[in-house]
Amino acid sequence: MKTNLAVAILGLGLAASVTPLRAHHSVPAQYDIDREIAIQGVVTRVEWLNPHARFWVDARNDDGTVSSWEMELPPPNALKRARGNLDFIKQGDQVTVNLWRAKNGSRLAHALTLTVPSGEVMNFPRNWGMPAASK
């Protein structure tokens, strides 16, 4: 009886630990990696939550209307380790983002590069590796 209970608990623990890995999306499956686009706009919101940090940008379209874009970044802990802090982007910042747009046509995007008001350009590789900063 004790053996069966131990095996059941071990099995449930293993299943629970694998679920988050299985739930994570594939970048090429969700985003159009064959077409990089760039937008410029104002940051309206920033979230430092797992599994991805996110920020929203209001960008002016060619016809003068404004569209809100949601950008995915690497996880907050990876950004903090790479940069030492999380104050590189704030609400109200004017930014330029090179991105891969979601395949479903929404304005969800995978940020590839982020140019912040100081002129610093942060690169976010396809595999969410550590961002490299350059001037």
N, C-alpha and C. Protein backbone atom coordinates (compact mmCIF):
# COMPACT_ATOMS: atom_id res chain seq x y z
N MET A 1 0.82 -1.19 0.00
CA MET A 1 0.00 0.00 0.00
C MET A 1 0.86 1.26 0.00
N LYS A 2 1.91 1.29 0.85
CA LYS A 2 2.79 2.44 0.92
C LYS A 2 3.52 2.63 -0.41
N THR A 3 3.89 1.54 -1.05
CA THR A 3 4.59 1.62 -2.34
C THR A 3 3.68 2.22 -3.40
N ASN A 4 2.43 1.79 -3.45
CA ASN A 4 1.49 2.32 -4.43
C ASN A 4 1.26 3.82 -4.22
N LEU A 5 1.14 4.23 -2.97
CA LEU A 5 0.95 5.64 -2.66
C LEU A 5 2.18 6.46 -3.07
N ALA A 6 3.37 5.95 -2.79
CA ALA A 6 4.60 6.64 -3.16
C ALA A 6 4.72 6.77 -4.68
N VAL A 7 4.39 5.71 -5.41
CA VAL A 7 4.44 5.74 -6.87
C VAL A 7 3.42 6.74 -7.42
N ALA A 8 2.23 6.76 -6.84
CA ALA A 8 1.19 7.70 -7.29
C ALA A 8 1.63 9.15 -7.06
N ILE A 9 2.19 9.42 -5.88
CA ILE A 9 2.64 10.78 -5.57
C ILE A 9 3.79 11.18 -6.49
N LEU A 10 4.72 10.27 -6.72
CA LEU A 10 5.84 10.54 -7.62
C LEU A 10 5.33 10.80 -9.04
N GLY A 11 4.37 10.01 -9.49
CA GLY A 11 3.80 10.18 -10.84
C GLY A 11 3.09 11.52 -10.98
N LEU A 12 2.32 11.91 -9.99
CA LEU A 12 1.63 13.20 -10.04
C LEU A 12 2.62 14.37 -10.01
N GLY A 13 3.65 14.23 -9.21
CA GLY A 13 4.67 15.28 -9.15
C GLY A 13 5.39 15.44 -10.48
N LEU A 14 5.70 14.32 -11.11
CA LEU A 14 6.35 14.37 -12.42
C LEU A 14 5.42 14.98 -13.46
N ALA A 15 4.18 14.59 -13.47
CA ALA A 15 3.22 15.14 -14.43
C ALA A 15 3.03 16.64 -14.23
N ALA A 16 2.98 17.08 -12.99
CA ALA A 16 2.81 18.51 -12.71
C ALA A 16 4.03 19.31 -13.14
N SER A 17 5.21 18.74 -13.06
CA SER A 17 6.42 19.47 -13.44
C SER A 17 6.59 19.56 -14.95
N VAL A 18 6.01 18.66 -15.71
CA VAL A 18 6.13 18.64 -17.17
C VAL A 18 5.09 19.54 -17.82
N THR A 19 3.96 19.75 -17.22
CA THR A 19 2.87 20.53 -17.81
C THR A 19 3.30 21.93 -18.26
N PRO A 20 4.03 22.72 -17.45
CA PRO A 20 4.42 24.05 -17.92
C PRO A 20 5.31 24.00 -19.17
N LEU A 21 6.17 23.00 -19.29
CA LEU A 21 7.01 22.89 -20.47
C LEU A 21 6.18 22.60 -21.71
N ARG A 22 5.22 21.74 -21.58
CA ARG A 22 4.37 21.38 -22.71
C ARG A 22 3.50 22.55 -23.13
N ALA A 23 3.13 23.41 -22.20
CA ALA A 23 2.22 24.51 -22.49
C ALA A 23 2.90 25.68 -23.19
N HIS A 24 4.22 25.76 -23.15
CA HIS A 24 4.92 26.89 -23.76
C HIS A 24 4.81 26.83 -25.28
N HIS A 25 4.57 27.98 -25.90
CA HIS A 25 4.39 28.03 -27.35
C HIS A 25 5.72 28.05 -28.08
N SER A 26 5.67 27.60 -29.33
CA SER A 26 6.82 27.66 -30.21
C SER A 26 6.80 29.00 -30.94
N VAL A 27 7.92 29.70 -30.97
CA VAL A 27 7.97 31.01 -31.63
C VAL A 27 7.59 30.89 -33.10
N PRO A 28 8.20 29.97 -33.88
CA PRO A 28 7.82 29.88 -35.30
C PRO A 28 6.38 29.43 -35.52
N ALA A 29 5.80 28.74 -34.56
CA ALA A 29 4.41 28.31 -34.72
C ALA A 29 3.44 29.47 -34.50
N GLN A 30 3.81 30.41 -33.66
CA GLN A 30 2.90 31.51 -33.31
C GLN A 30 3.17 32.79 -34.12
N TYR A 31 4.42 33.00 -34.54
CA TYR A 31 4.79 34.26 -35.19
C TYR A 31 5.29 34.02 -36.61
N ASP A 32 5.09 35.02 -37.47
CA ASP A 32 5.55 34.96 -38.86
C ASP A 32 7.02 35.37 -38.88
N ILE A 33 7.90 34.36 -38.76
CA ILE A 33 9.34 34.63 -38.66
C ILE A 33 9.98 34.96 -40.00
N ASP A 34 9.21 34.89 -41.07
CA ASP A 34 9.73 35.22 -42.40
C ASP A 34 9.52 36.69 -42.76
N ARG A 35 8.84 37.43 -41.88
CA ARG A 35 8.52 38.83 -42.18
C ARG A 35 8.72 39.69 -40.94
N GLU A 36 9.82 40.41 -40.93
CA GLU A 36 10.11 41.32 -39.82
C GLU A 36 9.57 42.70 -40.18
N ILE A 37 8.88 43.32 -39.24
CA ILE A 37 8.38 44.68 -39.45
C ILE A 37 8.86 45.56 -38.30
N ALA A 38 8.76 46.87 -38.49
CA ALA A 38 9.16 47.82 -37.45
C ALA A 38 8.00 48.76 -37.17
N ILE A 39 7.84 49.10 -35.90
CA ILE A 39 6.85 50.10 -35.51
C ILE A 39 7.51 51.12 -34.59
N GLN A 40 6.95 52.31 -34.56
CA GLN A 40 7.38 53.35 -33.64
C GLN A 40 6.15 53.82 -32.89
N GLY A 41 6.32 54.07 -31.61
CA GLY A 41 5.18 54.55 -30.85
C GLY A 41 5.53 54.81 -29.40
N VAL A 42 4.47 54.97 -28.61
CA VAL A 42 4.61 55.31 -27.20
C VAL A 42 4.21 54.10 -26.35
N VAL A 43 5.04 53.79 -25.37
CA VAL A 43 4.75 52.69 -24.45
C VAL A 43 3.58 53.11 -23.56
N THR A 44 2.54 52.27 -23.53
CA THR A 44 1.36 52.60 -22.72
C THR A 44 1.24 51.73 -21.47
N ARG A 45 1.96 50.60 -21.45
CA ARG A 45 1.85 49.69 -20.32
C ARG A 45 3.05 48.74 -20.35
N VAL A 46 3.54 48.35 -19.16
CA VAL A 46 4.63 47.39 -19.03
C VAL A 46 4.25 46.40 -17.94
N GLU A 47 4.46 45.10 -18.19
CA GLU A 47 4.19 44.06 -17.18
C GLU A 47 5.43 43.18 -17.04
N TRP A 48 5.86 43.00 -15.81
CA TRP A 48 7.01 42.15 -15.51
C TRP A 48 6.52 40.85 -14.91
N LEU A 49 5.78 40.06 -15.67
CA LEU A 49 5.20 38.81 -15.20
C LEU A 49 5.73 37.64 -16.02
N ASN A 50 5.84 36.47 -15.40
CA ASN A 50 6.21 35.26 -16.11
C ASN A 50 5.01 34.72 -16.87
N PRO A 51 5.16 34.01 -17.96
CA PRO A 51 6.43 33.51 -18.48
C PRO A 51 7.17 34.51 -19.37
N HIS A 52 6.54 35.62 -19.76
CA HIS A 52 7.20 36.63 -20.58
C HIS A 52 6.87 38.01 -20.04
N ALA A 53 7.88 38.85 -19.98
CA ALA A 53 7.60 40.27 -19.74
C ALA A 53 6.88 40.78 -20.98
N ARG A 54 6.03 41.77 -20.82
CA ARG A 54 5.27 42.31 -21.96
C ARG A 54 5.20 43.82 -21.84
N PHE A 55 5.09 44.45 -23.00
CA PHE A 55 4.80 45.88 -23.01
C PHE A 55 3.90 46.17 -24.20
N TRP A 56 3.16 47.28 -24.10
CA TRP A 56 2.22 47.68 -25.13
C TRP A 56 2.66 49.00 -25.72
N VAL A 57 2.53 49.13 -27.03
CA VAL A 57 2.92 50.34 -27.73
C VAL A 57 1.75 50.82 -28.59
N ASP A 58 1.42 52.09 -28.47
CA ASP A 58 0.46 52.72 -29.38
C ASP A 58 1.24 53.30 -30.54
N ALA A 59 0.99 52.78 -31.74
CA ALA A 59 1.70 53.21 -32.94
C ALA A 59 0.72 53.81 -33.94
N ARG A 60 1.14 54.89 -34.58
CA ARG A 60 0.30 55.56 -35.59
C ARG A 60 0.41 54.81 -36.91
N ASN A 61 -0.75 54.50 -37.50
CA ASN A 61 -0.81 53.84 -38.79
C ASN A 61 -0.65 54.86 -39.91
N ASP A 62 -0.46 54.37 -41.13
CA ASP A 62 -0.31 55.25 -42.29
C ASP A 62 -1.52 56.16 -42.50
N ASP A 63 -2.71 55.67 -42.11
CA ASP A 63 -3.93 56.46 -42.31
C ASP A 63 -4.21 57.42 -41.14
N GLY A 64 -3.30 57.48 -40.17
CA GLY A 64 -3.46 58.40 -39.05
C GLY A 64 -4.12 57.80 -37.82
N THR A 65 -4.70 56.62 -37.96
CA THR A 65 -5.29 55.95 -36.80
C THR A 65 -4.18 55.38 -35.93
N VAL A 66 -4.53 55.00 -34.70
CA VAL A 66 -3.56 54.44 -33.76
C VAL A 66 -3.92 53.00 -33.47
N SER A 67 -2.90 52.14 -33.49
CA SER A 67 -3.08 50.72 -33.15
C SER A 67 -2.24 50.40 -31.92
N SER A 68 -2.80 49.58 -31.04
CA SER A 68 -2.08 49.14 -29.85
C SER A 68 -1.47 47.77 -30.11
N TRP A 69 -0.17 47.65 -29.88
CA TRP A 69 0.58 46.41 -30.09
C TRP A 69 1.01 45.85 -28.74
N GLU A 70 0.92 44.55 -28.58
CA GLU A 70 1.39 43.85 -27.38
C GLU A 70 2.66 43.10 -27.74
N MET A 71 3.76 43.42 -27.05
CA MET A 71 5.06 42.82 -27.33
C MET A 71 5.47 41.84 -26.26
N GLU A 72 5.94 40.69 -26.68
CA GLU A 72 6.52 39.72 -25.74
C GLU A 72 8.02 39.93 -25.68
N LEU A 73 8.54 39.85 -24.46
CA LEU A 73 9.97 39.92 -24.19
C LEU A 73 10.39 38.63 -23.50
N PRO A 74 11.69 38.43 -23.27
CA PRO A 74 12.12 37.29 -22.47
C PRO A 74 11.55 37.39 -21.05
N PRO A 75 11.67 36.32 -20.28
CA PRO A 75 11.18 36.34 -18.90
C PRO A 75 11.85 37.45 -18.08
N PRO A 76 11.13 38.01 -17.11
CA PRO A 76 11.69 39.09 -16.29
C PRO A 76 13.02 38.75 -15.63
N ASN A 77 13.17 37.53 -15.13
CA ASN A 77 14.43 37.18 -14.46
C ASN A 77 15.60 37.18 -15.43
N ALA A 78 15.39 36.72 -16.67
CA ALA A 78 16.46 36.74 -17.67
C ALA A 78 16.84 38.18 -17.99
N LEU A 79 15.85 39.06 -18.12
CA LEU A 79 16.13 40.47 -18.39
C LEU A 79 16.89 41.11 -17.24
N LYS A 80 16.49 40.80 -16.03
CA LYS A 80 17.15 41.39 -14.85
C LYS A 80 18.60 40.90 -14.75
N ARG A 81 18.81 39.61 -15.01
CA ARG A 81 20.19 39.08 -14.97
C ARG A 81 21.05 39.75 -16.04
N ALA A 82 20.49 39.94 -17.23
CA ALA A 82 21.25 40.51 -18.34
C ALA A 82 21.52 42.00 -18.16
N ARG A 83 20.58 42.72 -17.55
CA ARG A 83 20.67 44.18 -17.50
C ARG A 83 20.97 44.72 -16.10
N GLY A 84 20.72 43.92 -15.08
CA GLY A 84 20.95 44.38 -13.72
C GLY A 84 19.73 45.06 -13.11
N ASN A 85 18.78 45.47 -13.95
CA ASN A 85 17.56 46.10 -13.46
C ASN A 85 16.49 46.01 -14.54
N LEU A 86 15.30 46.46 -14.21
CA LEU A 86 14.20 46.42 -15.16
C LEU A 86 13.66 47.81 -15.48
N ASP A 87 14.51 48.81 -15.37
CA ASP A 87 14.03 50.18 -15.60
C ASP A 87 14.37 50.70 -17.00
N PHE A 88 14.67 49.80 -17.95
CA PHE A 88 15.07 50.24 -19.28
C PHE A 88 13.89 50.67 -20.15
N ILE A 89 12.68 50.36 -19.73
CA ILE A 89 11.50 50.78 -20.49
C ILE A 89 10.40 51.18 -19.51
N LYS A 90 9.76 52.32 -19.80
CA LYS A 90 8.73 52.83 -18.90
C LYS A 90 7.54 53.35 -19.71
N GLN A 91 6.42 53.42 -19.05
CA GLN A 91 5.23 54.00 -19.67
C GLN A 91 5.56 55.43 -20.10
N GLY A 92 5.17 55.79 -21.31
CA GLY A 92 5.42 57.12 -21.85
C GLY A 92 6.65 57.21 -22.74
N ASP A 93 7.52 56.19 -22.71
CA ASP A 93 8.71 56.19 -23.56
C ASP A 93 8.34 56.10 -25.04
N GLN A 94 9.04 56.84 -25.87
CA GLN A 94 8.92 56.74 -27.32
C GLN A 94 9.93 55.67 -27.75
N VAL A 95 9.47 54.60 -28.40
CA VAL A 95 10.34 53.48 -28.75
C VAL A 95 10.15 53.07 -30.21
N THR A 96 11.13 52.35 -30.70
CA THR A 96 11.04 51.67 -31.99
C THR A 96 11.24 50.19 -31.72
N VAL A 97 10.39 49.37 -32.31
CA VAL A 97 10.46 47.92 -32.10
C VAL A 97 10.46 47.22 -33.45
N ASN A 98 11.46 46.37 -33.66
CA ASN A 98 11.43 45.45 -34.79
C ASN A 98 10.83 44.16 -34.25
N LEU A 99 9.93 43.56 -34.99
CA LEU A 99 9.14 42.46 -34.44
C LEU A 99 8.72 41.45 -35.49
N TRP A 100 8.30 40.30 -35.00
CA TRP A 100 7.58 39.31 -35.79
C TRP A 100 6.14 39.36 -35.30
N ARG A 101 5.21 39.56 -36.21
CA ARG A 101 3.80 39.65 -35.87
C ARG A 101 3.19 38.25 -35.73
N ALA A 102 2.18 38.14 -34.89
CA ALA A 102 1.47 36.87 -34.72
C ALA A 102 0.86 36.43 -36.05
N LYS A 103 0.90 35.13 -36.30
CA LYS A 103 0.34 34.59 -37.55
C LYS A 103 -1.17 34.77 -37.64
N ASN A 104 -1.85 34.91 -36.51
CA ASN A 104 -3.31 35.02 -36.53
C ASN A 104 -3.78 36.43 -36.91
N GLY A 105 -2.85 37.33 -37.21
CA GLY A 105 -3.22 38.67 -37.64
C GLY A 105 -3.45 39.66 -36.51
N SER A 106 -3.39 39.19 -35.28
CA SER A 106 -3.56 40.11 -34.15
C SER A 106 -2.33 41.00 -34.03
N ARG A 107 -2.38 41.94 -33.13
CA ARG A 107 -1.23 42.83 -32.91
C ARG A 107 -0.40 42.36 -31.72
N LEU A 108 -0.34 41.05 -31.54
CA LEU A 108 0.60 40.43 -30.61
C LEU A 108 1.89 40.23 -31.38
N ALA A 109 3.04 40.50 -30.76
CA ALA A 109 4.30 40.42 -31.48
C ALA A 109 5.42 39.91 -30.59
N HIS A 110 6.40 39.33 -31.25
CA HIS A 110 7.63 38.85 -30.63
C HIS A 110 8.68 39.94 -30.90
N ALA A 111 9.09 40.64 -29.86
CA ALA A 111 10.06 41.73 -30.03
C ALA A 111 11.43 41.17 -30.37
N LEU A 112 12.03 41.69 -31.45
CA LEU A 112 13.37 41.29 -31.86
C LEU A 112 14.41 42.32 -31.43
N THR A 113 14.09 43.60 -31.64
CA THR A 113 14.95 44.67 -31.15
C THR A 113 14.07 45.76 -30.57
N LEU A 114 14.61 46.44 -29.60
CA LEU A 114 13.92 47.55 -28.93
C LEU A 114 14.89 48.71 -28.84
N THR A 115 14.52 49.84 -29.44
CA THR A 115 15.32 51.05 -29.32
C THR A 115 14.60 51.98 -28.35
N VAL A 116 15.28 52.29 -27.25
CA VAL A 116 14.70 53.11 -26.18
C VAL A 116 15.11 54.57 -26.37
N PRO A 117 14.49 55.51 -25.61
CA PRO A 117 14.77 56.93 -25.80
C PRO A 117 16.25 57.33 -25.74
N SER A 118 17.06 56.62 -24.98
CA SER A 118 18.49 56.96 -24.88
C SER A 118 19.24 56.61 -26.16
N GLY A 119 18.60 55.87 -27.07
CA GLY A 119 19.25 55.42 -28.29
C GLY A 119 19.81 54.02 -28.19
N GLU A 120 19.78 53.45 -26.98
CA GLU A 120 20.26 52.08 -26.80
C GLU A 120 19.36 51.12 -27.56
N VAL A 121 20.00 50.17 -28.24
CA VAL A 121 19.26 49.14 -28.97
C VAL A 121 19.49 47.81 -28.28
N MET A 122 18.40 47.17 -27.88
CA MET A 122 18.48 45.86 -27.26
C MET A 122 18.02 44.82 -28.26
N ASN A 123 18.80 43.75 -28.38
CA ASN A 123 18.48 42.66 -29.30
C ASN A 123 17.96 41.47 -28.52
N PHE A 124 16.86 40.91 -29.00
CA PHE A 124 16.26 39.75 -28.36
C PHE A 124 16.24 38.61 -29.38
N PRO A 125 17.16 37.66 -29.27
CA PRO A 125 17.24 36.58 -30.25
C PRO A 125 15.98 35.73 -30.29
N ARG A 126 15.84 35.01 -31.37
CA ARG A 126 14.69 34.15 -31.61
C ARG A 126 14.42 33.21 -30.44
N ASN A 127 15.45 32.72 -29.81
CA ASN A 127 15.27 31.74 -28.72
C ASN A 127 15.22 32.38 -27.35
N TRP A 128 14.95 33.68 -27.28
CA TRP A 128 14.87 34.42 -26.02
C TRP A 128 16.16 34.33 -25.23
N GLY A 129 17.28 34.31 -25.93
CA GLY A 129 18.56 34.35 -25.23
C GLY A 129 18.71 35.70 -24.54
N MET A 130 19.79 35.89 -23.89
CA MET A 130 20.02 37.14 -23.18
C MET A 130 20.11 38.29 -24.16
N PRO A 131 19.46 39.39 -23.87
CA PRO A 131 19.54 40.54 -24.78
C PRO A 131 20.93 41.16 -24.75
N ALA A 132 21.43 41.48 -25.93
CA ALA A 132 22.72 42.16 -26.02
C ALA A 132 22.45 43.63 -26.30
N ALA A 133 23.09 44.50 -25.58
CA ALA A 133 22.85 45.94 -25.74
C ALA A 133 23.99 46.54 -26.56
N SER A 134 23.65 47.51 -27.39
CA SER A 134 24.65 48.24 -28.16
C SER A 134 24.19 49.68 -28.31
N LYS A 135 25.11 50.57 -28.58
CA LYS A 135 24.77 51.99 -28.81
C LYS A 135 24.81 52.28 -30.27
